[in-house]
Amino acid sequence: MKDLEKILELVRSVGWGATDRLRSYYHQTDNDNLQVQYRQNEPVTIADVNVNYYILENLQAALGKEDFAYISEETYEAEQAKQEWAWIIDPLDGTRDFIEKTGEYAIHIALVQETRPVLAVVAVPEAEKLYYAIKGGGTFVETRDGKNLPLQVSSRERIEDLTIVVSRSHRNERLNYLLQHLPCQNQKAVGSVGGKIAAIIEQQADIYISLSGKSAPKDWDIAAPELILTEAGGQFTHFDGTPLQYNTGDVNQWGGLLASNGQYHEVLCQEAETILAQF
């Protein structure tokens, strides 16, 4: 396998290029130029499509197509062959926030070996920050001026002091019931999954919960955010403690998923299962 450090340099450069392209669309005054369409009730814009093309074109030009599969939200086909190494890409996570101009959208690029992420970049364009990690190497944030700082998740004394980062949309009755009955009641609303996990590694929040209903988050929503969280000292698992798996042939991440600063992770997972059993 080629040197992951060199590949990370490439992906960081691509992440900043994708950031510039998304911001140029985002700061247009007329949303009509975004050419919004809907697929399975989810919006897709010309920005999603063009930035997806930019990321794929640059990765494939540098790395080729023989050694890697490329699984992207905008180009995914269910029959895609599973390979040992796969890029999992979301060119615009938080499209609704992008359209509604909340600023809370992100770019996810992850490299998965077999079923687990080994390299990840999450860019948050409006903050002009790019988070990156290699398995076993820690998590860093890079700012536009080229500064790089290591990041570590929070440490809170009491479970009641933890803050849950939540969505403004993508809510259902089961999730609301669960949130109402957890021992921690502090909440912070943030748009994209990448933005939510960035809030945890920036110590602005401590927990994120995903609960699938009729649909589920996809590999490209979770893979890159997972690695930047776990390399900063956090945890991201199913409620039963099993690790998440990617590039399995099914891009859906079904069930209950919990991301945290790791401090009360097992307790919260058990609490979540107990509470949902009473729903």
Protein backbone atom coordinates (compact mmCIF):
# COMPACT_ATOMS: atom_id res chain seq x y z
CA MET A 1 0.00 0.00 0.00
CA LYS A 2 1.26 3.47 -0.82
CA ASP A 3 2.39 5.69 2.05
CA LEU A 4 -0.68 6.97 3.90
CA GLU A 5 1.11 10.19 4.89
CA LYS A 6 1.66 11.08 1.23
CA ILE A 7 -1.92 10.17 0.40
CA LEU A 8 -3.12 12.36 3.28
CA GLU A 9 -1.21 15.34 1.82
CA LEU A 10 -3.10 14.82 -1.43
CA VAL A 11 -6.47 14.48 0.32
CA ARG A 12 -5.93 17.61 2.42
CA SER A 13 -5.16 19.54 -0.76
CA VAL A 14 -8.29 18.11 -2.42
CA GLY A 15 -10.29 18.97 0.71
CA TRP A 16 -9.24 22.62 0.53
CA GLY A 17 -9.98 22.73 -3.20
CA ALA A 18 -13.44 21.27 -2.56
CA THR A 19 -13.92 23.84 0.22
CA ASP A 20 -13.23 26.71 -2.18
CA ARG A 21 -15.67 25.32 -4.74
CA LEU A 22 -18.48 24.81 -2.24
CA ARG A 23 -18.00 28.28 -0.76
CA SER A 24 -18.20 29.85 -4.22
CA TYR A 25 -21.65 28.26 -4.66
CA TYR A 26 -22.70 28.96 -1.07
CA HIS A 27 -22.01 32.69 -1.29
CA GLN A 28 -23.99 33.22 -4.47
CA THR A 29 -26.98 35.43 -3.76
CA ASP A 30 -29.46 33.45 -5.85
CA ASN A 31 -30.36 29.90 -4.75
CA ASP A 32 -31.93 29.27 -8.18
CA ASN A 33 -28.39 28.77 -9.45
CA LEU A 34 -28.06 25.72 -7.20
CA GLN A 35 -30.50 23.76 -9.43
CA VAL A 36 -31.99 21.91 -6.44
CA GLN A 37 -33.49 18.51 -7.21
CA TYR A 38 -34.84 15.84 -4.86
CA ARG A 39 -33.85 12.17 -4.67
CA GLN A 40 -35.76 10.03 -2.15
CA ASN A 41 -36.88 13.26 -0.41
CA GLU A 42 -33.28 14.46 -0.01
CA PRO A 43 -32.08 17.59 -1.84
CA VAL A 44 -29.20 17.49 -4.33
CA THR A 45 -27.67 20.64 -5.80
CA ILE A 46 -25.32 21.42 -8.67
CA ALA A 47 -22.70 22.05 -5.95
CA ASP A 48 -22.99 18.41 -4.72
CA VAL A 49 -22.52 17.12 -8.27
CA ASN A 50 -19.67 19.39 -9.33
CA VAL A 51 -17.66 19.06 -6.11
CA ASN A 52 -18.15 15.30 -6.22
CA TYR A 53 -16.68 15.31 -9.73
CA TYR A 54 -13.76 17.49 -8.56
CA ILE A 55 -12.89 15.13 -5.67
CA LEU A 56 -13.16 11.97 -7.76
CA GLU A 57 -11.22 13.44 -10.68
CA ASN A 58 -8.33 14.50 -8.46
CA LEU A 59 -8.14 11.28 -6.42
CA GLN A 60 -8.37 9.07 -9.50
CA ALA A 61 -5.81 11.13 -11.43
CA ALA A 62 -3.29 10.71 -8.61
CA LEU A 63 -4.12 7.20 -7.40
CA GLY A 64 -5.79 5.45 -10.32
CA LYS A 65 -8.79 3.13 -10.26
CA GLU A 66 -7.11 -0.28 -10.03
CA ASP A 67 -6.25 -0.35 -6.32
CA PHE A 68 -9.28 1.52 -5.01
CA ALA A 69 -13.06 1.46 -5.14
CA TYR A 70 -14.74 4.87 -5.03
CA ILE A 71 -18.01 4.99 -3.08
CA SER A 72 -19.58 8.43 -3.30
CA GLU A 73 -23.04 9.69 -2.38
CA GLU A 74 -23.53 11.13 -5.86
CA THR A 75 -22.24 8.20 -7.92
CA TYR A 76 -22.89 5.13 -5.77
CA GLU A 77 -24.27 2.05 -7.47
CA ALA A 78 -25.48 -0.83 -5.33
CA GLU A 79 -23.74 -3.44 -7.46
CA GLN A 80 -20.34 -1.78 -7.06
CA ALA A 81 -17.62 -4.39 -6.51
CA LYS A 82 -16.17 -4.56 -3.02
CA GLN A 83 -12.40 -4.00 -2.91
CA GLU A 84 -9.91 -4.10 -0.03
CA TRP A 85 -9.31 -0.34 -0.30
CA ALA A 86 -12.25 2.02 -0.84
CA TRP A 87 -12.67 5.77 -0.82
CA ILE A 88 -15.94 6.80 0.83
CA ILE A 89 -16.89 10.35 -0.12
CA ASP A 90 -19.61 12.85 0.69
CA PRO A 91 -18.91 16.03 -1.30
CA LEU A 92 -21.57 17.96 0.63
CA ASP A 93 -22.81 16.63 3.96
CA GLY A 94 -25.67 18.82 5.15
CA THR A 95 -27.20 19.86 1.83
CA ARG A 96 -30.31 21.26 3.57
CA ASP A 97 -28.09 23.47 5.72
CA PHE A 98 -26.20 24.51 2.59
CA ILE A 99 -29.44 25.55 0.88
CA GLU A 100 -30.84 27.24 4.02
CA LYS A 101 -27.54 29.11 4.60
CA THR A 102 -26.91 27.96 8.18
CA GLY A 103 -23.21 27.52 7.35
CA GLU A 104 -23.26 24.05 8.92
CA TYR A 105 -22.21 21.84 6.04
CA ALA A 106 -19.11 19.69 5.58
CA ILE A 107 -17.04 17.58 3.18
CA HIS A 108 -16.18 13.98 4.11
CA ILE A 109 -13.40 11.93 2.52
CA ALA A 110 -12.38 8.60 4.10
CA LEU A 111 -10.13 5.75 3.01
CA VAL A 112 -11.32 2.37 4.26
CA GLN A 113 -9.28 -0.83 4.35
CA GLU A 114 -11.55 -3.86 4.33
CA THR A 115 -14.39 -2.48 6.50
CA ARG A 116 -12.63 0.09 8.72
CA PRO A 117 -11.41 3.67 8.10
CA VAL A 118 -7.65 4.28 8.12
CA LEU A 119 -7.50 7.87 6.82
CA ALA A 120 -10.03 10.68 7.01
CA VAL A 121 -10.56 14.33 6.18
CA VAL A 122 -13.58 16.36 7.30
CA ALA A 123 -13.63 19.94 6.02
CA VAL A 124 -16.01 22.54 7.47
CA PRO A 125 -15.88 25.25 4.79
CA GLU A 126 -17.58 28.17 6.58
CA ALA A 127 -15.27 27.72 9.60
CA GLU A 128 -12.35 27.41 7.14
CA LYS A 129 -11.13 24.38 9.07
CA LEU A 130 -10.04 20.95 7.89
CA TYR A 131 -9.85 18.04 10.34
CA TYR A 132 -7.71 15.03 9.46
CA ALA A 133 -6.52 11.75 10.92
CA ILE A 134 -4.61 8.60 10.08
CA LYS A 135 -5.32 5.45 12.09
CA GLY A 136 -3.01 5.46 15.09
CA GLY A 137 -1.72 8.97 14.44
CA GLY A 138 -4.11 11.26 16.30
CA THR A 139 -6.46 13.97 15.00
CA PHE A 140 -5.41 17.43 13.83
CA VAL A 141 -7.15 20.57 12.66
CA GLU A 142 -5.67 22.67 9.88
CA THR A 143 -6.68 26.29 9.42
CA ARG A 144 -6.54 28.36 6.23
CA ASP A 145 -3.25 29.96 7.26
CA GLY A 146 -1.61 26.51 7.33
CA LYS A 147 -1.46 26.08 11.12
CA ASN A 148 -1.97 22.52 12.41
CA LEU A 149 -3.04 21.71 15.96
CA PRO A 150 -3.68 18.33 17.65
CA LEU A 151 -7.17 17.86 19.09
CA GLN A 152 -8.47 15.85 22.04
CA VAL A 153 -12.05 15.26 23.19
CA SER A 154 -13.44 16.77 26.39
CA SER A 155 -13.39 15.34 29.89
CA ARG A 156 -16.42 16.02 32.13
CA GLU A 157 -16.79 14.98 35.75
CA ARG A 158 -20.50 14.08 35.71
CA ILE A 159 -22.66 12.38 33.12
CA GLU A 160 -25.25 15.16 33.65
CA ASP A 161 -22.71 17.71 32.40
CA LEU A 162 -22.43 16.13 28.95
CA THR A 163 -23.86 18.00 25.95
CA ILE A 164 -25.63 16.16 23.13
CA VAL A 165 -25.27 17.56 19.64
CA VAL A 166 -28.55 17.21 17.73
CA SER A 167 -30.06 17.85 14.31
CA ARG A 168 -32.59 20.53 13.51
CA SER A 169 -34.16 18.14 10.98
CA HIS A 170 -33.94 14.31 10.78
CA ARG A 171 -35.87 13.90 14.03
CA ASN A 172 -38.50 11.27 14.83
CA GLU A 173 -40.60 10.28 17.85
CA ARG A 174 -38.27 7.48 18.99
CA LEU A 175 -35.23 9.75 18.92
CA ASN A 176 -37.08 12.55 20.71
CA TYR A 177 -38.25 10.07 23.38
CA LEU A 178 -34.70 8.82 23.85
CA LEU A 179 -33.25 12.33 24.13
CA GLN A 180 -35.89 13.32 26.68
CA HIS A 181 -35.01 10.40 28.98
CA LEU A 182 -31.21 10.36 28.92
CA PRO A 183 -29.42 11.51 32.10
CA CYS A 184 -27.80 14.41 30.19
CA GLN A 185 -30.17 17.11 28.96
CA ASN A 186 -27.83 19.79 27.58
CA GLN A 187 -28.28 20.06 23.81
CA LYS A 188 -26.56 21.92 20.98
CA ALA A 189 -28.03 22.02 17.44
CA VAL A 190 -25.57 21.57 14.54
CA GLY A 191 -26.30 20.69 10.91
CA SER A 192 -24.10 18.05 9.26
CA VAL A 193 -22.71 14.89 10.86
CA GLY A 194 -19.21 16.19 10.13
CA GLY A 195 -20.07 19.41 11.93
CA LYS A 196 -21.50 17.49 14.89
CA ILE A 197 -18.36 15.40 15.30
CA ALA A 198 -16.20 18.49 14.83
CA ALA A 199 -18.11 20.05 17.75
CA ILE A 200 -17.23 17.03 19.91
CA ILE A 201 -13.51 17.09 19.09
CA GLU A 202 -13.48 20.88 19.60
CA GLN A 203 -14.93 20.19 23.11
CA GLN A 204 -18.13 22.15 22.36
CA ALA A 205 -20.23 18.97 22.78
CA ASP A 206 -19.74 15.39 23.98
CA ILE A 207 -22.34 13.05 22.44
CA TYR A 208 -24.06 12.41 19.12
CA ILE A 209 -26.79 9.80 18.62
CA SER A 210 -28.05 8.40 15.32
CA LEU A 211 -31.24 6.33 15.32
CA SER A 212 -32.36 4.95 11.99
CA GLY A 213 -36.05 4.87 11.17
CA LYS A 214 -37.42 4.22 7.69
CA SER A 215 -34.02 5.26 6.39
CA ALA A 216 -30.54 5.18 7.88
CA PRO A 217 -27.37 7.23 7.62
CA LYS A 218 -25.02 6.00 4.93
CA ASP A 219 -21.34 5.05 4.93
CA TRP A 220 -20.41 8.47 3.52
CA ASP A 221 -22.18 10.24 6.41
CA ILE A 222 -20.20 8.42 9.09
CA ALA A 223 -16.84 6.95 7.93
CA ALA A 224 -14.69 10.10 7.92
CA PRO A 225 -16.30 11.62 11.06
CA GLU A 226 -15.79 8.34 12.95
CA LEU A 227 -12.02 8.31 12.45
CA ILE A 228 -11.46 11.96 13.37
CA LEU A 229 -13.45 11.31 16.56
CA THR A 230 -11.78 8.07 17.61
CA GLU A 231 -8.28 9.39 16.89
CA ALA A 232 -9.09 12.36 19.15
CA GLY A 233 -9.88 9.91 21.96
CA GLY A 234 -13.62 9.42 21.44
CA GLN A 235 -15.72 6.36 20.61
CA PHE A 236 -18.29 5.66 17.88
CA THR A 237 -20.15 2.33 18.03
CA HIS A 238 -23.49 0.62 17.77
CA PHE A 239 -25.51 0.68 21.01
CA ASP A 240 -24.37 -2.92 21.67
CA GLY A 241 -20.74 -1.79 21.52
CA THR A 242 -19.89 -3.42 18.19
CA PRO A 243 -17.74 -1.40 15.78
CA LEU A 244 -19.21 0.21 12.69
CA GLN A 245 -18.39 -1.43 9.37
CA TYR A 246 -18.11 0.15 5.92
CA ASN A 247 -17.69 -1.09 2.36
CA THR A 248 -19.80 -4.16 3.11
CA GLY A 249 -22.10 -3.97 0.08
CA ASP A 250 -24.85 -2.29 2.12
CA VAL A 251 -24.17 1.44 2.58
CA ASN A 252 -26.89 1.82 5.25
CA GLN A 253 -25.84 2.15 8.89
CA TRP A 254 -28.91 0.66 10.55
CA GLY A 255 -29.82 0.71 14.23
CA GLY A 256 -28.68 2.89 17.07
CA LEU A 257 -25.25 4.52 16.84
CA LEU A 258 -23.58 6.51 19.58
CA ALA A 259 -20.58 8.81 19.26
CA SER A 260 -19.06 10.29 22.41
CA ASN A 261 -15.99 11.65 24.13
CA GLY A 262 -15.66 8.08 25.43
CA GLN A 263 -16.07 8.92 29.08
CA TYR A 264 -19.51 7.39 29.72
CA HIS A 265 -19.82 5.60 26.40
CA GLU A 266 -20.83 2.14 27.62
CA VAL A 267 -23.21 3.54 30.24
CA LEU A 268 -24.94 5.73 27.63
CA CYS A 269 -25.24 2.85 25.17
CA GLN A 270 -26.89 0.68 27.85
CA GLU A 271 -29.16 3.56 28.93
CA ALA A 272 -30.22 4.12 25.32
CA GLU A 273 -31.18 0.47 24.83
CA THR A 274 -33.12 0.43 28.14
CA ILE A 275 -35.00 3.64 27.32
CA LEU A 276 -35.92 2.53 23.79
CA ALA A 277 -37.20 -0.80 25.11
CA GLN A 278 -39.83 1.23 27.02
CA PHE A 279 -40.94 3.27 24.00
